[in-house]
Amino acid sequence: GNNSNIINASNATNISRAPEMIKNKEPVERDVVLSFIIPAEMEEARKKLNHINITLDARDVRELWKHVHREGESELTEAETNTFHASLNLHIKKCTGLKVDRLQLDSVKLPCVNFSSKGRVRIQQEDHVKNILRHLTVMAQGDMVSCAPSL
């Protein structure tokens, strides 16, 4: 979509190619917002801004996911995840010139749920609570089993 190239950096710097975002300055429900923090080792950049928000149209992100993930599979592989992230990073670099793989991902806001690097999860839509909690439980159990099989 044409809304996939929106950047919002801290200190009131907004770069946008989506007219409705200029008016509202708030992402619409169909957006995916990736919030990045400038790492401490990038001292010169940190003097100018603290974070960068990149907003993508959720339909475009979903389309990319469909190209990466095998249809009908309920689980995702590490390879699929890596390919998906690399593709998103490449898209952002082509559209903006930013190498976000050098930044620290702080939060991800999806249309129905938000995740932060501090471990906060906020489910936006009541009808998605059970499904999201089910997925989080499966992931947590999988990690526990693979990291500490004696548990």
C-alpha atoms as a PDB file:
ATOM      1  CA  GLY A   1       0.000   0.000   0.000  1.00  0.00           C
ATOM      2  CA  ASN A   2       1.015   3.605  -0.240  1.00  0.00           C
ATOM      3  CA  ASN A   3       0.914   3.987   3.547  1.00  0.00           C
ATOM      4  CA  SER A   4       3.908   1.725   4.122  1.00  0.00           C
ATOM      5  CA  ASN A   5       6.595   4.372   4.233  1.00  0.00           C
ATOM      6  CA  ILE A   6       5.758   6.483   7.255  1.00  0.00           C
ATOM      7  CA  ILE A   7       8.499   7.439   9.670  1.00  0.00           C
ATOM      8  CA  ASN A   8       8.044   9.310  12.913  1.00  0.00           C
ATOM      9  CA  ALA A   9      11.227  10.221  14.781  1.00  0.00           C
ATOM     10  CA  SER A  10      11.266  11.749  18.237  1.00  0.00           C
ATOM     11  CA  ASN A  11      11.680  15.482  18.757  1.00  0.00           C
ATOM     12  CA  ALA A  12       8.569  16.178  16.627  1.00  0.00           C
ATOM     13  CA  THR A  13      10.224  15.202  13.364  1.00  0.00           C
ATOM     14  CA  ASN A  14       7.643  13.574  11.087  1.00  0.00           C
ATOM     15  CA  ILE A  15       8.254  12.268   7.607  1.00  0.00           C
ATOM     16  CA  SER A  16       5.135  10.970   5.943  1.00  0.00           C
ATOM     17  CA  ARG A  17       3.751   9.998   2.574  1.00  0.00           C
ATOM     18  CA  ALA A  18       0.265   9.252   3.893  1.00  0.00           C
ATOM     19  CA  PRO A  19      -2.002  12.320   4.067  1.00  0.00           C
ATOM     20  CA  GLU A  20      -4.325  10.869   6.734  1.00  0.00           C
ATOM     21  CA  MET A  21      -1.338  10.394   9.042  1.00  0.00           C
ATOM     22  CA  ILE A  22      -0.399  14.070   8.763  1.00  0.00           C
ATOM     23  CA  LYS A  23      -3.870  15.104   9.902  1.00  0.00           C
ATOM     24  CA  ASN A  24      -4.259  12.554  12.707  1.00  0.00           C
ATOM     25  CA  LYS A  25      -0.631  11.963  13.767  1.00  0.00           C
ATOM     26  CA  GLU A  26      -1.910   8.689  15.244  1.00  0.00           C
ATOM     27  CA  PRO A  27      -1.622   5.342  13.467  1.00  0.00           C
ATOM     28  CA  VAL A  28      -4.891   3.994  12.164  1.00  0.00           C
ATOM     29  CA  GLU A  29      -6.018   0.507  13.235  1.00  0.00           C
ATOM     30  CA  ARG A  30      -4.687  -1.228  10.163  1.00  0.00           C
ATOM     31  CA  ASP A  31      -1.128  -0.082  10.839  1.00  0.00           C
ATOM     32  CA  VAL A  32       1.856  -1.957  12.213  1.00  0.00           C
ATOM     33  CA  VAL A  33       4.194   0.351  14.129  1.00  0.00           C
ATOM     34  CA  LEU A  34       7.791  -0.659  14.802  1.00  0.00           C
ATOM     35  CA  SER A  35       9.467   1.543  17.407  1.00  0.00           C
ATOM     36  CA  PHE A  36      13.262   1.551  17.442  1.00  0.00           C
ATOM     37  CA  ILE A  37      15.665   3.019  19.997  1.00  0.00           C
ATOM     38  CA  ILE A  38      18.996   4.418  18.907  1.00  0.00           C
ATOM     39  CA  PRO A  39      21.649   2.235  20.643  1.00  0.00           C
ATOM     40  CA  ALA A  40      24.035   3.862  23.135  1.00  0.00           C
ATOM     41  CA  GLU A  41      27.051   3.116  20.908  1.00  0.00           C
ATOM     42  CA  MET A  42      25.586   5.419  18.232  1.00  0.00           C
ATOM     43  CA  GLU A  43      26.376   8.521  20.313  1.00  0.00           C
ATOM     44  CA  GLU A  44      26.213  11.082  17.494  1.00  0.00           C
ATOM     45  CA  ALA A  45      22.797   9.869  16.341  1.00  0.00           C
ATOM     46  CA  ARG A  46      21.477   9.773  19.934  1.00  0.00           C
ATOM     47  CA  LYS A  47      22.322  13.466  20.311  1.00  0.00           C
ATOM     48  CA  LYS A  48      19.830  14.210  17.514  1.00  0.00           C
ATOM     49  CA  LEU A  49      17.001  11.776  18.274  1.00  0.00           C
ATOM     50  CA  ASN A  50      16.025   9.104  20.783  1.00  0.00           C
ATOM     51  CA  HIS A  51      13.818   6.808  18.777  1.00  0.00           C
ATOM     52  CA  ILE A  52      12.265   6.194  15.388  1.00  0.00           C
ATOM     53  CA  ASN A  53       8.766   4.887  14.714  1.00  0.00           C
ATOM     54  CA  ILE A  54       8.148   3.216  11.393  1.00  0.00           C
ATOM     55  CA  THR A  55       4.541   2.630  10.406  1.00  0.00           C
ATOM     56  CA  LEU A  56       3.602   0.018   7.831  1.00  0.00           C
ATOM     57  CA  ASP A  57       0.201  -0.854   6.433  1.00  0.00           C
ATOM     58  CA  ALA A  58      -0.800  -4.121   8.140  1.00  0.00           C
ATOM     59  CA  ARG A  59      -2.125  -5.451   4.818  1.00  0.00           C
ATOM     60  CA  ASP A  60       1.352  -5.129   3.294  1.00  0.00           C
ATOM     61  CA  VAL A  61       2.979  -6.823   6.288  1.00  0.00           C
ATOM     62  CA  ARG A  62       0.406  -9.626   6.087  1.00  0.00           C
ATOM     63  CA  GLU A  63       1.107 -10.064   2.360  1.00  0.00           C
ATOM     64  CA  LEU A  64       4.837 -10.347   3.061  1.00  0.00           C
ATOM     65  CA  TRP A  65       4.127 -12.923   5.773  1.00  0.00           C
ATOM     66  CA  LYS A  66       2.053 -14.982   3.312  1.00  0.00           C
ATOM     67  CA  HIS A  67       5.069 -15.114   0.972  1.00  0.00           C
ATOM     68  CA  VAL A  68       7.373 -16.262   3.784  1.00  0.00           C
ATOM     69  CA  HIS A  69       5.166 -18.639   5.814  1.00  0.00           C
ATOM     70  CA  ARG A  70       3.869 -21.926   4.427  1.00  0.00           C
ATOM     71  CA  GLU A  71       0.086 -21.820   4.120  1.00  0.00           C
ATOM     72  CA  GLY A  72      -1.792 -24.118   6.479  1.00  0.00           C
ATOM     73  CA  GLU A  73       1.073 -24.363   8.977  1.00  0.00           C
ATOM     74  CA  SER A  74       0.224 -23.216  12.493  1.00  0.00           C
ATOM     75  CA  GLU A  75       3.849 -22.999  13.661  1.00  0.00           C
ATOM     76  CA  LEU A  76       6.535 -20.774  12.289  1.00  0.00           C
ATOM     77  CA  THR A  77      10.130 -21.810  11.838  1.00  0.00           C
ATOM     78  CA  GLU A  78      13.236 -19.863  12.796  1.00  0.00           C
ATOM     79  CA  ALA A  79      14.115 -19.653   9.094  1.00  0.00           C
ATOM     80  CA  GLU A  80      10.706 -18.128   8.305  1.00  0.00           C
ATOM     81  CA  THR A  81      11.114 -15.624  11.121  1.00  0.00           C
ATOM     82  CA  ASN A  82      14.603 -14.651   9.955  1.00  0.00           C
ATOM     83  CA  THR A  83      13.444 -14.299   6.337  1.00  0.00           C
ATOM     84  CA  PHE A  84      10.454 -12.207   7.409  1.00  0.00           C
ATOM     85  CA  HIS A  85      12.592  -9.846   9.527  1.00  0.00           C
ATOM     86  CA  ALA A  86      15.256  -9.550   6.818  1.00  0.00           C
ATOM     87  CA  SER A  87      12.561  -8.752   4.235  1.00  0.00           C
ATOM     88  CA  LEU A  88      10.985  -6.088   6.468  1.00  0.00           C
ATOM     89  CA  ASN A  89      14.419  -4.564   7.141  1.00  0.00           C
ATOM     90  CA  LEU A  90      15.206  -4.532   3.410  1.00  0.00           C
ATOM     91  CA  HIS A  91      11.851  -2.898   2.599  1.00  0.00           C
ATOM     92  CA  ILE A  92      12.446  -0.198   5.220  1.00  0.00           C
ATOM     93  CA  LYS A  93      15.987   0.393   3.923  1.00  0.00           C
ATOM     94  CA  LYS A  94      14.781   0.699   0.309  1.00  0.00           C
ATOM     95  CA  CYS A  95      11.989   3.125   1.276  1.00  0.00           C
ATOM     96  CA  THR A  96      13.844   5.234   3.828  1.00  0.00           C
ATOM     97  CA  GLY A  97      17.558   4.491   3.654  1.00  0.00           C
ATOM     98  CA  LEU A  98      17.493   3.451   7.324  1.00  0.00           C
ATOM     99  CA  LYS A  99      19.385   0.351   8.390  1.00  0.00           C
ATOM    100  CA  VAL A 100      17.019  -0.651  11.193  1.00  0.00           C
ATOM    101  CA  ASP A 101      18.923  -3.875  11.829  1.00  0.00           C
ATOM    102  CA  ARG A 102      21.520  -1.619  13.516  1.00  0.00           C
ATOM    103  CA  LEU A 103      18.859  -0.184  15.856  1.00  0.00           C
ATOM    104  CA  GLN A 104      17.250  -1.718  18.934  1.00  0.00           C
ATOM    105  CA  LEU A 105      13.618  -2.769  18.419  1.00  0.00           C
ATOM    106  CA  ASP A 106      11.716  -1.405  21.413  1.00  0.00           C
ATOM    107  CA  SER A 107       8.104  -2.210  20.607  1.00  0.00           C
ATOM    108  CA  VAL A 108       5.788  -3.624  17.987  1.00  0.00           C
ATOM    109  CA  LYS A 109       2.208  -2.435  17.676  1.00  0.00           C
ATOM    110  CA  LEU A 110      -0.046  -4.680  15.639  1.00  0.00           C
ATOM    111  CA  PRO A 111      -3.713  -3.967  14.908  1.00  0.00           C
ATOM    112  CA  CYS A 112      -4.853  -6.166  17.814  1.00  0.00           C
ATOM    113  CA  VAL A 113      -1.855  -6.372  20.198  1.00  0.00           C
ATOM    114  CA  ASN A 114       1.219  -4.408  21.320  1.00  0.00           C
ATOM    115  CA  PHE A 115       4.505  -5.927  22.511  1.00  0.00           C
ATOM    116  CA  SER A 116       7.353  -4.044  24.198  1.00  0.00           C
ATOM    117  CA  SER A 117      10.970  -4.982  24.868  1.00  0.00           C
ATOM    118  CA  LYS A 118      10.201  -4.496  28.564  1.00  0.00           C
ATOM    119  CA  GLY A 119       7.917  -7.536  28.429  1.00  0.00           C
ATOM    120  CA  ARG A 120       4.616  -5.667  28.289  1.00  0.00           C
ATOM    121  CA  VAL A 121       1.799  -7.119  26.204  1.00  0.00           C
ATOM    122  CA  ARG A 122      -1.375  -5.117  25.568  1.00  0.00           C
ATOM    123  CA  ILE A 123      -4.228  -6.817  23.763  1.00  0.00           C
ATOM    124  CA  GLN A 124      -6.291  -4.147  22.003  1.00  0.00           C
ATOM    125  CA  GLN A 125      -9.317  -6.181  20.988  1.00  0.00           C
ATOM    126  CA  GLU A 126     -11.252  -8.343  23.430  1.00  0.00           C
ATOM    127  CA  ASP A 127     -12.174 -10.937  20.805  1.00  0.00           C
ATOM    128  CA  HIS A 128      -8.440 -11.745  20.283  1.00  0.00           C
ATOM    129  CA  VAL A 129      -7.534 -12.333  23.959  1.00  0.00           C
ATOM    130  CA  LYS A 130      -7.881 -16.137  24.013  1.00  0.00           C
ATOM    131  CA  ASN A 131      -6.090 -16.645  20.701  1.00  0.00           C
ATOM    132  CA  ILE A 132      -3.164 -14.369  21.614  1.00  0.00           C
ATOM    133  CA  LEU A 133      -2.790 -15.907  25.074  1.00  0.00           C
ATOM    134  CA  ARG A 134      -2.890 -19.384  23.502  1.00  0.00           C
ATOM    135  CA  HIS A 135      -0.022 -18.471  21.143  1.00  0.00           C
ATOM    136  CA  LEU A 136       2.012 -16.857  23.926  1.00  0.00           C
ATOM    137  CA  THR A 137       1.525 -19.921  26.139  1.00  0.00           C
ATOM    138  CA  VAL A 138       2.672 -22.292  23.391  1.00  0.00           C
ATOM    139  CA  MET A 139       5.748 -20.140  22.716  1.00  0.00           C
ATOM    140  CA  ALA A 140       6.613 -19.909  26.415  1.00  0.00           C
ATOM    141  CA  GLN A 141       6.253 -23.656  26.928  1.00  0.00           C
ATOM    142  CA  GLY A 142       8.300 -24.371  23.829  1.00  0.00           C
ATOM    143  CA  ASP A 143      11.106 -22.108  25.044  1.00  0.00           C
ATOM    144  CA  MET A 144      11.076 -23.665  28.496  1.00  0.00           C
ATOM    145  CA  VAL A 145      11.237 -27.189  27.126  1.00  0.00           C
ATOM    146  CA  SER A 146      14.063 -26.393  24.698  1.00  0.00           C
ATOM    147  CA  CYS A 147      16.071 -24.324  27.183  1.00  0.00           C
ATOM    148  CA  ALA A 148      15.633 -26.484  30.289  1.00  0.00           C
ATOM    149  CA  PRO A 149      14.247 -29.937  29.424  1.00  0.00           C
ATOM    150  CA  SER A 150      14.236 -30.954  33.101  1.00  0.00           C
ATOM    151  CA  LEU A 151      11.477 -28.437  33.808  1.00  0.00           C
END
